[in-house]
């Protein structure tokens, strides 16, 4: 590694850290104020200068996309770290579910925000949000497809099953008040959803 490589690496890390700060600040402000939150307000809340904040967000659709991208990144990193390649398909599927549901639980306000405001985006913004959601669904669909191909899972509509898993994860953010009223903690909700999915896919 040359002496010139380190600043670039540190710069990349700083860029990601600032991007995270902007996403967190934007989500908090949008939750409180809606789309009326300005870039200046986001910059103050993030503790970053306005010109730097403008590198990440310039209009409401940029903010929503940034929030969604950070959610997807957390999910994909969790899957990469926790899902063991070569393990039985059911083990991989249930672990991927755990990682996805945990992201939803830890960032429930952001998930609700995306549901609430994504329809107000312009056409290109909505297309990008939908693509990011499909990227997440694809993680589950690939595992389901592999399980069906190996005979571990029954034949099914893998795309529909994958979307059902994603919607069940989102359900915790959108309807946790209902599940909590029934006495379900996040851990018990996850376990019961995993049991349902396991029963659904087994050959």
C-alpha atoms as a PDB file:
ATOM      1  CA  UNK A   1       0.000   0.000   0.000  1.00  0.00           C
ATOM      2  CA  UNK A   2       1.385   3.387  -0.909  1.00  0.00           C
ATOM      3  CA  UNK A   3       1.294   6.397   1.382  1.00  0.00           C
ATOM      4  CA  UNK A   4      -1.370   7.902  -0.881  1.00  0.00           C
ATOM      5  CA  UNK A   5      -3.810   5.025  -0.266  1.00  0.00           C
ATOM      6  CA  UNK A   6      -4.528   5.720   3.403  1.00  0.00           C
ATOM      7  CA  UNK A   7      -6.114   9.162   3.042  1.00  0.00           C
ATOM      8  CA  UNK A   8      -8.456   7.781   0.382  1.00  0.00           C
ATOM      9  CA  UNK A   9      -9.490   4.904   2.678  1.00  0.00           C
ATOM     10  CA  UNK A  10     -10.027   7.256   5.589  1.00  0.00           C
ATOM     11  CA  UNK A  11     -11.911   9.613   3.294  1.00  0.00           C
ATOM     12  CA  UNK A  12     -14.228   6.801   2.231  1.00  0.00           C
ATOM     13  CA  UNK A  13     -14.899   5.941   5.868  1.00  0.00           C
ATOM     14  CA  UNK A  14     -15.576   9.580   6.694  1.00  0.00           C
ATOM     15  CA  UNK A  15     -17.929   9.823   3.733  1.00  0.00           C
ATOM     16  CA  UNK A  16     -19.906   6.786   4.897  1.00  0.00           C
ATOM     17  CA  UNK A  17     -20.026   8.109   8.455  1.00  0.00           C
ATOM     18  CA  UNK A  18     -21.351  11.471   7.279  1.00  0.00           C
ATOM     19  CA  UNK A  19     -23.862   9.767   4.996  1.00  0.00           C
ATOM     20  CA  UNK A  20     -25.130   7.788   7.994  1.00  0.00           C
ATOM     21  CA  UNK A  21     -25.382  10.954  10.082  1.00  0.00           C
ATOM     22  CA  UNK A  22     -27.386  12.699   7.366  1.00  0.00           C
ATOM     23  CA  UNK A  23     -29.710   9.697   6.957  1.00  0.00           C
ATOM     24  CA  UNK A  24     -30.323   9.470  10.704  1.00  0.00           C
ATOM     25  CA  UNK A  25     -30.927  13.196  11.065  1.00  0.00           C
ATOM     26  CA  UNK A  26     -33.223  13.302   8.031  1.00  0.00           C
ATOM     27  CA  UNK A  27     -35.270  10.374   9.327  1.00  0.00           C
ATOM     28  CA  UNK A  28     -35.736  12.003  12.734  1.00  0.00           C
ATOM     29  CA  UNK A  29     -36.765  15.331  11.216  1.00  0.00           C
ATOM     30  CA  UNK A  30     -39.069  13.760   8.637  1.00  0.00           C
ATOM     31  CA  UNK A  31     -40.762  11.766  11.364  1.00  0.00           C
ATOM     32  CA  UNK A  32     -41.438  14.990  13.293  1.00  0.00           C
ATOM     33  CA  UNK A  33     -41.980  17.538  10.526  1.00  0.00           C
ATOM     34  CA  UNK A  34     -42.667  15.595   7.385  1.00  0.00           C
ATOM     35  CA  UNK A  35     -41.254  16.726   4.052  1.00  0.00           C
ATOM     36  CA  UNK A  36     -41.115  20.335   5.199  1.00  0.00           C
ATOM     37  CA  UNK A  37     -37.731  19.676   6.842  1.00  0.00           C
ATOM     38  CA  UNK A  38     -35.084  21.655   4.976  1.00  0.00           C
ATOM     39  CA  UNK A  39     -31.563  20.644   4.050  1.00  0.00           C
ATOM     40  CA  UNK A  40     -30.284  23.366   6.416  1.00  0.00           C
ATOM     41  CA  UNK A  41     -32.222  21.783   9.295  1.00  0.00           C
ATOM     42  CA  UNK A  42     -30.931  18.344   8.394  1.00  0.00           C
ATOM     43  CA  UNK A  43     -27.367  19.670   8.327  1.00  0.00           C
ATOM     44  CA  UNK A  44     -27.744  21.181  11.811  1.00  0.00           C
ATOM     45  CA  UNK A  45     -29.302  17.988  13.195  1.00  0.00           C
ATOM     46  CA  UNK A  46     -26.530  15.891  11.627  1.00  0.00           C
ATOM     47  CA  UNK A  47     -23.774  18.178  12.898  1.00  0.00           C
ATOM     48  CA  UNK A  48     -22.457  18.631   9.361  1.00  0.00           C
ATOM     49  CA  UNK A  49     -22.114  21.775   7.270  1.00  0.00           C
ATOM     50  CA  UNK A  50     -24.868  22.566   4.792  1.00  0.00           C
ATOM     51  CA  UNK A  51     -22.550  22.378   1.723  1.00  0.00           C
ATOM     52  CA  UNK A  52     -21.417  18.898   2.749  1.00  0.00           C
ATOM     53  CA  UNK A  53     -25.015  17.805   3.406  1.00  0.00           C
ATOM     54  CA  UNK A  54     -25.921  18.953  -0.107  1.00  0.00           C
ATOM     55  CA  UNK A  55     -23.511  16.304  -1.411  1.00  0.00           C
ATOM     56  CA  UNK A  56     -25.957  13.690  -0.171  1.00  0.00           C
ATOM     57  CA  UNK A  57     -29.395  15.327  -0.385  1.00  0.00           C
ATOM     58  CA  UNK A  58     -30.773  18.131  -2.526  1.00  0.00           C
ATOM     59  CA  UNK A  59     -34.493  17.350  -2.630  1.00  0.00           C
ATOM     60  CA  UNK A  60     -37.009  15.212  -0.698  1.00  0.00           C
ATOM     61  CA  UNK A  61     -36.602  12.208  -3.003  1.00  0.00           C
ATOM     62  CA  UNK A  62     -32.845  12.175  -2.263  1.00  0.00           C
ATOM     63  CA  UNK A  63     -33.594  11.957   1.454  1.00  0.00           C
ATOM     64  CA  UNK A  64     -36.047   9.083   1.081  1.00  0.00           C
ATOM     65  CA  UNK A  65     -33.651   7.211  -1.167  1.00  0.00           C
ATOM     66  CA  UNK A  66     -30.786   7.748   1.236  1.00  0.00           C
ATOM     67  CA  UNK A  67     -32.857   6.357   4.117  1.00  0.00           C
ATOM     68  CA  UNK A  68     -33.947   3.343   2.062  1.00  0.00           C
ATOM     69  CA  UNK A  69     -30.417   2.679   0.841  1.00  0.00           C
ATOM     70  CA  UNK A  70     -29.073   2.677   4.382  1.00  0.00           C
ATOM     71  CA  UNK A  71     -31.769   0.205   5.474  1.00  0.00           C
ATOM     72  CA  UNK A  72     -30.919  -2.096   2.582  1.00  0.00           C
ATOM     73  CA  UNK A  73     -27.187  -1.818   3.252  1.00  0.00           C
ATOM     74  CA  UNK A  74     -27.659  -2.831   6.890  1.00  0.00           C
ATOM     75  CA  UNK A  75     -29.744  -5.813   5.833  1.00  0.00           C
ATOM     76  CA  UNK A  76     -27.303  -6.999   3.171  1.00  0.00           C
ATOM     77  CA  UNK A  77     -24.313  -6.622   5.486  1.00  0.00           C
ATOM     78  CA  UNK A  78     -26.140  -8.571   8.180  1.00  0.00           C
ATOM     79  CA  UNK A  79     -26.928 -11.367   5.743  1.00  0.00           C
ATOM     80  CA  UNK A  80     -23.346 -11.488   4.479  1.00  0.00           C
ATOM     81  CA  UNK A  81     -22.017 -11.764   8.025  1.00  0.00           C
ATOM     82  CA  UNK A  82     -24.582 -14.201   9.441  1.00  0.00           C
ATOM     83  CA  UNK A  83     -25.777 -16.466   6.624  1.00  0.00           C
ATOM     84  CA  UNK A  84     -23.408 -19.412   6.154  1.00  0.00           C
ATOM     85  CA  UNK A  85     -22.910 -20.362   2.522  1.00  0.00           C
ATOM     86  CA  UNK A  86     -23.391 -24.079   1.970  1.00  0.00           C
ATOM     87  CA  UNK A  87     -25.658 -24.457   5.008  1.00  0.00           C
ATOM     88  CA  UNK A  88     -29.077 -26.064   4.492  1.00  0.00           C
ATOM     89  CA  UNK A  89     -31.469 -23.768   2.642  1.00  0.00           C
ATOM     90  CA  UNK A  90     -33.864 -23.589   5.602  1.00  0.00           C
ATOM     91  CA  UNK A  91     -31.080 -22.485   7.968  1.00  0.00           C
ATOM     92  CA  UNK A  92     -30.037 -19.767   5.515  1.00  0.00           C
ATOM     93  CA  UNK A  93     -33.624 -18.647   4.982  1.00  0.00           C
ATOM     94  CA  UNK A  94     -34.392 -18.352   8.691  1.00  0.00           C
ATOM     95  CA  UNK A  95     -31.124 -16.517   9.382  1.00  0.00           C
ATOM     96  CA  UNK A  96     -31.794 -14.078   6.538  1.00  0.00           C
ATOM     97  CA  UNK A  97     -35.248 -13.509   8.038  1.00  0.00           C
ATOM     98  CA  UNK A  98     -33.682 -12.801  11.426  1.00  0.00           C
ATOM     99  CA  UNK A  99     -31.315 -10.243   9.923  1.00  0.00           C
ATOM    100  CA  UNK A 100     -34.085  -8.506   7.970  1.00  0.00           C
ATOM    101  CA  UNK A 101     -36.517  -8.406  10.879  1.00  0.00           C
ATOM    102  CA  UNK A 102     -33.807  -7.028  13.187  1.00  0.00           C
ATOM    103  CA  UNK A 103     -33.156  -4.140  10.788  1.00  0.00           C
ATOM    104  CA  UNK A 104     -36.888  -3.424  10.710  1.00  0.00           C
ATOM    105  CA  UNK A 105     -37.063  -3.512  14.503  1.00  0.00           C
ATOM    106  CA  UNK A 106     -34.062  -1.243  15.030  1.00  0.00           C
ATOM    107  CA  UNK A 107     -35.192   1.219  12.338  1.00  0.00           C
ATOM    108  CA  UNK A 108     -38.976   0.904  12.584  1.00  0.00           C
ATOM    109  CA  UNK A 109     -39.512   4.667  12.324  1.00  0.00           C
ATOM    110  CA  UNK A 110     -37.600   4.734   9.026  1.00  0.00           C
ATOM    111  CA  UNK A 111     -39.628   1.838   7.621  1.00  0.00           C
ATOM    112  CA  UNK A 112     -42.865   3.628   8.498  1.00  0.00           C
ATOM    113  CA  UNK A 113     -41.469   6.810   6.970  1.00  0.00           C
ATOM    114  CA  UNK A 114     -40.721   5.084   3.667  1.00  0.00           C
ATOM    115  CA  UNK A 115     -44.245   3.646   3.570  1.00  0.00           C
ATOM    116  CA  UNK A 116     -45.792   6.977   4.449  1.00  0.00           C
ATOM    117  CA  UNK A 117     -43.873   9.217   2.066  1.00  0.00           C
ATOM    118  CA  UNK A 118     -42.646   7.093  -0.834  1.00  0.00           C
ATOM    119  CA  UNK A 119     -45.846   7.674  -2.834  1.00  0.00           C
ATOM    120  CA  UNK A 120     -45.150  11.414  -2.761  1.00  0.00           C
ATOM    121  CA  UNK A 121     -41.882  10.988  -4.658  1.00  0.00           C
ATOM    122  CA  UNK A 122     -41.484  11.734  -8.327  1.00  0.00           C
ATOM    123  CA  UNK A 123     -41.532   8.935 -10.890  1.00  0.00           C
ATOM    124  CA  UNK A 124     -37.778   8.317 -10.818  1.00  0.00           C
ATOM    125  CA  UNK A 125     -37.727   8.358  -7.037  1.00  0.00           C
ATOM    126  CA  UNK A 126     -40.510   5.768  -6.808  1.00  0.00           C
ATOM    127  CA  UNK A 127     -38.749   3.576  -9.358  1.00  0.00           C
ATOM    128  CA  UNK A 128     -35.558   3.651  -7.284  1.00  0.00           C
ATOM    129  CA  UNK A 129     -37.430   2.850  -4.053  1.00  0.00           C
ATOM    130  CA  UNK A 130     -39.172  -0.091  -5.730  1.00  0.00           C
ATOM    131  CA  UNK A 131     -35.860  -1.367  -7.085  1.00  0.00           C
ATOM    132  CA  UNK A 132     -34.292  -1.219  -3.634  1.00  0.00           C
ATOM    133  CA  UNK A 133     -37.221  -3.194  -2.244  1.00  0.00           C
ATOM    134  CA  UNK A 134     -36.861  -5.775  -5.015  1.00  0.00           C
ATOM    135  CA  UNK A 135     -33.167  -6.084  -4.178  1.00  0.00           C
ATOM    136  CA  UNK A 136     -34.147  -7.112  -0.654  1.00  0.00           C
ATOM    137  CA  UNK A 137     -36.794  -9.534  -1.895  1.00  0.00           C
ATOM    138  CA  UNK A 138     -34.212 -11.101  -4.210  1.00  0.00           C
ATOM    139  CA  UNK A 139     -32.150 -12.251  -1.216  1.00  0.00           C
ATOM    140  CA  UNK A 140     -35.038 -14.406  -0.021  1.00  0.00           C
ATOM    141  CA  UNK A 141     -36.089 -15.495  -3.507  1.00  0.00           C
ATOM    142  CA  UNK A 142     -32.600 -16.795  -4.296  1.00  0.00           C
ATOM    143  CA  UNK A 143     -32.564 -18.949  -1.159  1.00  0.00           C
ATOM    144  CA  UNK A 144     -36.073 -20.218  -1.896  1.00  0.00           C
ATOM    145  CA  UNK A 145     -35.150 -21.017  -5.499  1.00  0.00           C
ATOM    146  CA  UNK A 146     -32.084 -22.946  -4.333  1.00  0.00           C
ATOM    147  CA  UNK A 147     -34.134 -24.853  -1.764  1.00  0.00           C
ATOM    148  CA  UNK A 148     -36.710 -25.840  -4.367  1.00  0.00           C
ATOM    149  CA  UNK A 149     -33.996 -26.878  -6.839  1.00  0.00           C
ATOM    150  CA  UNK A 150     -32.291 -29.079  -4.221  1.00  0.00           C
ATOM    151  CA  UNK A 151     -35.562 -30.700  -3.137  1.00  0.00           C
ATOM    152  CA  UNK A 152     -35.330 -29.306   0.394  1.00  0.00           C
ATOM    153  CA  UNK A 153     -38.331 -27.022  -0.237  1.00  0.00           C
ATOM    154  CA  UNK A 154     -41.602 -27.866  -1.913  1.00  0.00           C
ATOM    155  CA  UNK A 155     -42.401 -26.380  -5.300  1.00  0.00           C
ATOM    156  CA  UNK A 156     -43.877 -22.902  -4.820  1.00  0.00           C
ATOM    157  CA  UNK A 157     -44.141 -19.398  -6.225  1.00  0.00           C
ATOM    158  CA  UNK A 158     -40.792 -18.268  -4.810  1.00  0.00           C
ATOM    159  CA  UNK A 159     -41.256 -14.632  -5.762  1.00  0.00           C
ATOM    160  CA  UNK A 160     -44.592 -14.443  -3.939  1.00  0.00           C
ATOM    161  CA  UNK A 161     -43.194 -16.310  -0.931  1.00  0.00           C
ATOM    162  CA  UNK A 162     -40.217 -13.924  -0.777  1.00  0.00           C
ATOM    163  CA  UNK A 163     -42.524 -10.902  -0.849  1.00  0.00           C
ATOM    164  CA  UNK A 164     -44.633 -12.444   1.918  1.00  0.00           C
ATOM    165  CA  UNK A 165     -41.528 -12.687   4.099  1.00  0.00           C
ATOM    166  CA  UNK A 166     -40.607  -9.046   3.436  1.00  0.00           C
ATOM    167  CA  UNK A 167     -44.161  -7.902   4.164  1.00  0.00           C
ATOM    168  CA  UNK A 168     -44.173  -9.881   7.420  1.00  0.00           C
ATOM    169  CA  UNK A 169     -40.990  -8.069   8.410  1.00  0.00           C
ATOM    170  CA  UNK A 170     -42.491  -4.699   7.567  1.00  0.00           C
ATOM    171  CA  UNK A 171     -45.569  -5.740   9.532  1.00  0.00           C
ATOM    172  CA  UNK A 172     -43.607  -5.443  12.762  1.00  0.00           C
ATOM    173  CA  UNK A 173     -42.892  -1.763  12.081  1.00  0.00           C
ATOM    174  CA  UNK A 174     -46.387  -1.000  10.821  1.00  0.00           C
ATOM    175  CA  UNK A 175     -48.457  -2.999  13.316  1.00  0.00           C
ATOM    176  CA  UNK A 176     -46.221  -3.636  16.328  1.00  0.00           C
ATOM    177  CA  UNK A 177     -48.813  -1.892  18.515  1.00  0.00           C
ATOM    178  CA  UNK A 178     -51.204  -4.746  17.721  1.00  0.00           C
ATOM    179  CA  UNK A 179     -48.696  -7.514  18.349  1.00  0.00           C
ATOM    180  CA  UNK A 180     -47.464  -5.918  21.550  1.00  0.00           C
ATOM    181  CA  UNK A 181     -51.048  -5.624  22.766  1.00  0.00           C
ATOM    182  CA  UNK A 182     -51.259  -9.392  22.268  1.00  0.00           C
ATOM    183  CA  UNK A 183     -48.191  -9.727  24.460  1.00  0.00           C
ATOM    184  CA  UNK A 184     -45.755 -10.532  21.669  1.00  0.00           C
ATOM    185  CA  UNK A 185     -42.223  -9.233  22.004  1.00  0.00           C
ATOM    186  CA  UNK A 186     -40.088  -8.732  18.911  1.00  0.00           C
ATOM    187  CA  UNK A 187     -38.279 -12.005  19.637  1.00  0.00           C
ATOM    188  CA  UNK A 188     -41.525 -13.985  19.882  1.00  0.00           C
ATOM    189  CA  UNK A 189     -42.911 -12.311  16.738  1.00  0.00           C
ATOM    190  CA  UNK A 190     -39.770 -13.278  14.817  1.00  0.00           C
ATOM    191  CA  UNK A 191     -39.819 -16.850  16.120  1.00  0.00           C
ATOM    192  CA  UNK A 192     -43.481 -17.337  15.195  1.00  0.00           C
ATOM    193  CA  UNK A 193     -42.967 -15.893  11.734  1.00  0.00           C
ATOM    194  CA  UNK A 194     -39.984 -18.214  11.242  1.00  0.00           C
ATOM    195  CA  UNK A 195     -42.124 -21.170  12.306  1.00  0.00           C
ATOM    196  CA  UNK A 196     -44.814 -20.183   9.800  1.00  0.00           C
ATOM    197  CA  UNK A 197     -42.303 -19.809   6.984  1.00  0.00           C
ATOM    198  CA  UNK A 198     -40.611 -23.111   7.822  1.00  0.00           C
ATOM    199  CA  UNK A 199     -43.972 -24.883   7.707  1.00  0.00           C
ATOM    200  CA  UNK A 200     -44.760 -23.160   4.402  1.00  0.00           C
ATOM    201  CA  UNK A 201     -41.586 -24.150   2.565  1.00  0.00           C
ATOM    202  CA  UNK A 202     -40.773 -27.662   3.805  1.00  0.00           C
ATOM    203  CA  UNK A 203     -41.109 -30.346   1.169  1.00  0.00           C
END
